[in-house]
Every structure is written in C-alpha cells, then in structure tokens.
C-alpha atoms as a PDB file:
ATOM      1  CA  MET A   1       8.505  -4.638  -0.853  1.00  0.00           C
ATOM      2  CA  GLU A   2       7.085  -1.732  -2.815  1.00  0.00           C
ATOM      3  CA  SER A   3       6.323   1.272  -0.561  1.00  0.00           C
ATOM      4  CA  VAL A   4       3.202   2.190  -2.569  1.00  0.00           C
ATOM      5  CA  ALA A   5       1.697  -1.310  -2.049  1.00  0.00           C
ATOM      6  CA  LEU A   6       2.631  -1.162   1.685  1.00  0.00           C
ATOM      7  CA  GLY A   7       0.985   2.242   1.997  1.00  0.00           C
ATOM      8  CA  GLN A   8      -2.167   1.105   0.193  1.00  0.00           C
ATOM      9  CA  THR A   9      -2.345  -1.910   2.475  1.00  0.00           C
ATOM     10  CA  ILE A  10      -2.043   0.243   5.573  1.00  0.00           C
ATOM     11  CA  LYS A  11      -4.756   2.588   4.258  1.00  0.00           C
ATOM     12  CA  GLU A  12      -7.147  -0.362   3.599  1.00  0.00           C
ATOM     13  CA  LEU A  13      -6.561  -1.844   7.032  1.00  0.00           C
ATOM     14  CA  ARG A  14      -6.908   1.543   8.699  1.00  0.00           C
ATOM     15  CA  GLU A  15     -10.209   2.161   6.976  1.00  0.00           C
ATOM     16  CA  GLU A  16     -11.423  -1.364   7.895  1.00  0.00           C
ATOM     17  CA  LYS A  17     -10.760  -0.406  11.526  1.00  0.00           C
ATOM     18  CA  GLY A  18     -12.790   2.800  10.975  1.00  0.00           C
ATOM     19  CA  LEU A  19      -9.797   5.030  11.762  1.00  0.00           C
ATOM     20  CA  THR A  20      -8.996   8.306  10.061  1.00  0.00           C
ATOM     21  CA  GLN A  21      -5.451   9.331   9.209  1.00  0.00           C
ATOM     22  CA  GLU A  22      -5.693  11.875  12.030  1.00  0.00           C
ATOM     23  CA  GLN A  23      -6.655   9.224  14.591  1.00  0.00           C
ATOM     24  CA  LEU A  24      -3.869   6.864  13.508  1.00  0.00           C
ATOM     25  CA  ALA A  25      -1.406   9.745  13.636  1.00  0.00           C
ATOM     26  CA  ASN A  26      -2.511  10.677  17.169  1.00  0.00           C
ATOM     27  CA  MET A  27      -2.045   7.070  18.303  1.00  0.00           C
ATOM     28  CA  LEU A  28       1.487   7.132  16.874  1.00  0.00           C
ATOM     29  CA  HIS A  29       2.274  10.668  18.156  1.00  0.00           C
ATOM     30  CA  ILE A  30       3.098  11.893  14.662  1.00  0.00           C
ATOM     31  CA  SER A  31       1.492  14.282  12.175  1.00  0.00           C
ATOM     32  CA  ARG A  32      -1.398  13.307   9.874  1.00  0.00           C
ATOM     33  CA  GLN A  33       0.771  14.376   6.968  1.00  0.00           C
ATOM     34  CA  ASN A  34       3.225  11.549   7.807  1.00  0.00           C
ATOM     35  CA  VAL A  35       0.428   8.997   7.649  1.00  0.00           C
ATOM     36  CA  SER A  36      -0.697  10.455   4.334  1.00  0.00           C
ATOM     37  CA  ARG A  37       2.836  10.264   2.917  1.00  0.00           C
ATOM     38  CA  TRP A  38       3.166   6.638   4.064  1.00  0.00           C
ATOM     39  CA  GLU A  39      -0.122   5.698   2.471  1.00  0.00           C
ATOM     40  CA  LEU A  40       0.943   7.334  -0.823  1.00  0.00           C
ATOM     41  CA  GLY A  41       4.297   5.573  -0.752  1.00  0.00           C
ATOM     42  CA  LYS A  42       6.115   8.899  -0.564  1.00  0.00           C
ATOM     43  CA  ARG A  43       7.886   8.231   2.698  1.00  0.00           C
ATOM     44  CA  SER A  44       9.323   5.099   4.296  1.00  0.00           C
ATOM     45  CA  ILE A  45       8.131   3.958   7.681  1.00  0.00           C
ATOM     46  CA  GLU A  46      10.528   3.541  10.589  1.00  0.00           C
ATOM     47  CA  SER A  47      10.497  -0.012  12.018  1.00  0.00           C
ATOM     48  CA  THR A  48       9.253   1.191  15.429  1.00  0.00           C
ATOM     49  CA  ASN A  49       6.242   2.891  13.794  1.00  0.00           C
ATOM     50  CA  LEU A  50       5.633  -0.088  11.603  1.00  0.00           C
ATOM     51  CA  LEU A  51       5.392  -2.386  14.611  1.00  0.00           C
ATOM     52  CA  LYS A  52       3.015   0.072  16.341  1.00  0.00           C
ATOM     53  CA  ILE A  53       0.870   0.244  13.186  1.00  0.00           C
ATOM     54  CA  CYS A  54       0.614  -3.536  13.148  1.00  0.00           C
ATOM     55  CA  GLN A  55      -0.496  -3.523  16.766  1.00  0.00           C
ATOM     56  CA  ILE A  56      -3.089  -0.818  16.166  1.00  0.00           C
ATOM     57  CA  LEU A  57      -4.446  -2.495  13.003  1.00  0.00           C
ATOM     58  CA  GLY A  58      -4.462  -5.953  14.603  1.00  0.00           C
ATOM     59  CA  VAL A  59      -2.076  -7.658  12.133  1.00  0.00           C
ATOM     60  CA  THR A  60       1.352  -9.199  12.479  1.00  0.00           C
ATOM     61  CA  LEU A  61       4.232  -7.719  10.561  1.00  0.00           C
ATOM     62  CA  ASP A  62       4.276 -10.907   8.382  1.00  0.00           C
ATOM     63  CA  GLU A  63       0.542 -10.450   7.587  1.00  0.00           C
ATOM     64  CA  LEU A  64       1.068  -6.820   6.619  1.00  0.00           C
ATOM     65  CA  ALA A  65       4.073  -7.650   4.454  1.00  0.00           C
ATOM     66  CA  LEU A  66       2.299 -10.524   2.739  1.00  0.00           C
ATOM     67  CA  LYS A  67      -0.763  -8.415   1.961  1.00  0.00           C
ATOM     68  CA  ALA A  68       1.476  -5.703   0.497  1.00  0.00           C
ATOM     69  CA  VAL A  69       3.463  -8.171  -1.556  1.00  0.00           C
ATOM     70  CA  ASN A  70       0.276  -9.712  -2.942  1.00  0.00           C
ATOM     71  CA  LYS A  71      -1.028  -6.247  -3.812  1.00  0.00           C
ATOM     72  CA  SER A  72       2.226  -5.366  -5.533  1.00  0.00           C
ATOM     73  CA  SER A  73       2.223  -8.641  -7.495  1.00  0.00           C
ATOM     74  CA  ALA A  74      -1.375  -8.182  -8.556  1.00  0.00           C
ATOM     75  CA  LYS A  75      -0.587  -4.696  -9.783  1.00  0.00           C
ATOM     76  CA  LYS A  76       2.406  -5.946 -11.807  1.00  0.00           C
ATOM     77  CA  GLU A  77       0.334  -8.722 -13.361  1.00  0.00           C
ATOM     78  CA  LYS A  78      -2.345  -6.168 -14.318  1.00  0.00           C
ATOM     79  CA  ASN A  79       0.275  -3.886 -15.858  1.00  0.00           C
ATOM     80  CA  ASN A  80       1.760  -6.789 -17.806  1.00  0.00           C
ATOM     81  CA  TYR A  81      -1.692  -7.712 -19.110  1.00  0.00           C
ATOM     82  CA  THR A  82      -2.450  -4.105 -20.037  1.00  0.00           C
ATOM     83  CA  ASP A  83       0.918  -3.824 -21.852  1.00  0.00           C
ATOM     84  CA  PHE A  84       0.185  -7.056 -23.759  1.00  0.00           C
ATOM     85  CA  ILE A  85      -3.278  -5.791 -24.838  1.00  0.00           C
ATOM     86  CA  GLU A  86      -1.849  -2.469 -25.959  1.00  0.00           C
ATOM     87  CA  LYS A  87       0.809  -4.210 -28.010  1.00  0.00           C
ATOM     88  CA  GLN A  88      -1.837  -6.432 -29.569  1.00  0.00           C
ATOM     89  CA  ASN A  89      -3.908  -3.405 -30.488  1.00  0.00           C
ATOM     90  CA  GLU A  90      -0.849  -1.755 -32.040  1.00  0.00           C
ATOM     91  CA  SER A  91      -0.179  -4.910 -34.034  1.00  0.00           C
ATOM     92  CA  ASP A  92      -3.785  -4.935 -35.287  1.00  0.00           C
ATOM     93  CA  LEU A  93      -3.362  -1.375 -36.578  1.00  0.00           C
ATOM     94  CA  LEU A  94      -0.300  -2.389 -38.592  1.00  0.00           C
ATOM     95  CA  ILE A  95      -2.228  -5.079 -40.482  1.00  0.00           C
END
C-alpha cells in the first residue's frame, strides 16, 4: 500500500472526526510532527500506532487499508489518463 494514500486517508478520516493533528498526536502520545509526516507519506506508521489510529477514527484496519488502496488506484488511473491525453496532444502537434 502506498504510504501517501494511507496518509491522505488518515487525514480525511481525522478531519471527518473533527480532530486536529495536535489532538490525534496527544491521543497517541506522540508529536504533531509525526502525524504530519504520516499524512504526507514521509514516515511509515508502526503497527501499534496504526491500530490505535483505527480505534480513534472508528474504522477497522481492513477498512483503512481498503480506503487507501482505492485512493491509490484512483490516483494511478487519473495519472494514466493524464499521460494518455498528453501523448494525444503531442501527437496532434506532430500532424
């Protein structure tokens, strides 16, 4: 699973719960910077913290993973489409 997609999913769920990064960090007894790095996909999340995050956000680990995988797949599909359009535009310029 892509860490950026996982981080974005955690951010969305956190915001849906009305929590700030600071509040989530306090609940996990870590720094706000760690939460920020997770959400940006710059740092991996230890399994114990991942389970605590799921409890706090009210999702199972499977639900969290599925949401992140779907987000990652959607992003790849969008990138493939964008690449296709750009190649089409380049082809049109050659004509």
